[in-house]
Amino acid sequence: MKQLIDEKDGKILEILRENSNLSTHKISKKTLIPVTTVNNRVKKLKELGVIKKYTVEIDKSKLGFSLSAYVFINISLKELKQEGMTTKDLMGIIRKNPNIESVDNVTGDVDVVAKIRAKDINELNNYIVNTLSEYKGVEKTTTALILTKEP
């Protein structure tokens, strides 16, 4: 089977992962790959779907959202089915909250894990008690505050 990307593509992807705002000229300088080659390879990686989008990483703590937590969610599939919903539908509803950073369907003792940012413990508690736990299909939540984050 033909390899999808090679070492040069890997170098380009690593640089873009660190800073997707860099120009092809700067990527070329960092990788010692000609500008035209960098441009063509980035175009190819987009066409192949390896590069899906460029995004911005926001430091939410600088916007006042200094509290982070994982919320482990147990779902009642029976209740979801009664509402004509799936786990994916519920995850989409949860994801709509601007404070939610990620929502993942997982294996193990819980069904879904959501990562949330909040300004303080009161905002986090309010979201979990008054919003999340009221969604149809949410059976139980357990929250783990994130104490430290690796840079």
Foldseek 3Di string as FASTA:
>chain_A
DDDPDDPLLVLLVVVCVVPVPDQLVVSCVVSVNDSVVSVVSVVSCVVVCVQVDRDDDDPCVVVQQPWKKKKFFAFDQVQQVVVVHDPVRLLVVVVPPPQWPDWDQDDDPGGIIIMGTHNDPVRVCCCVVVPVCPDGGGDDMDMDIDDDDDD
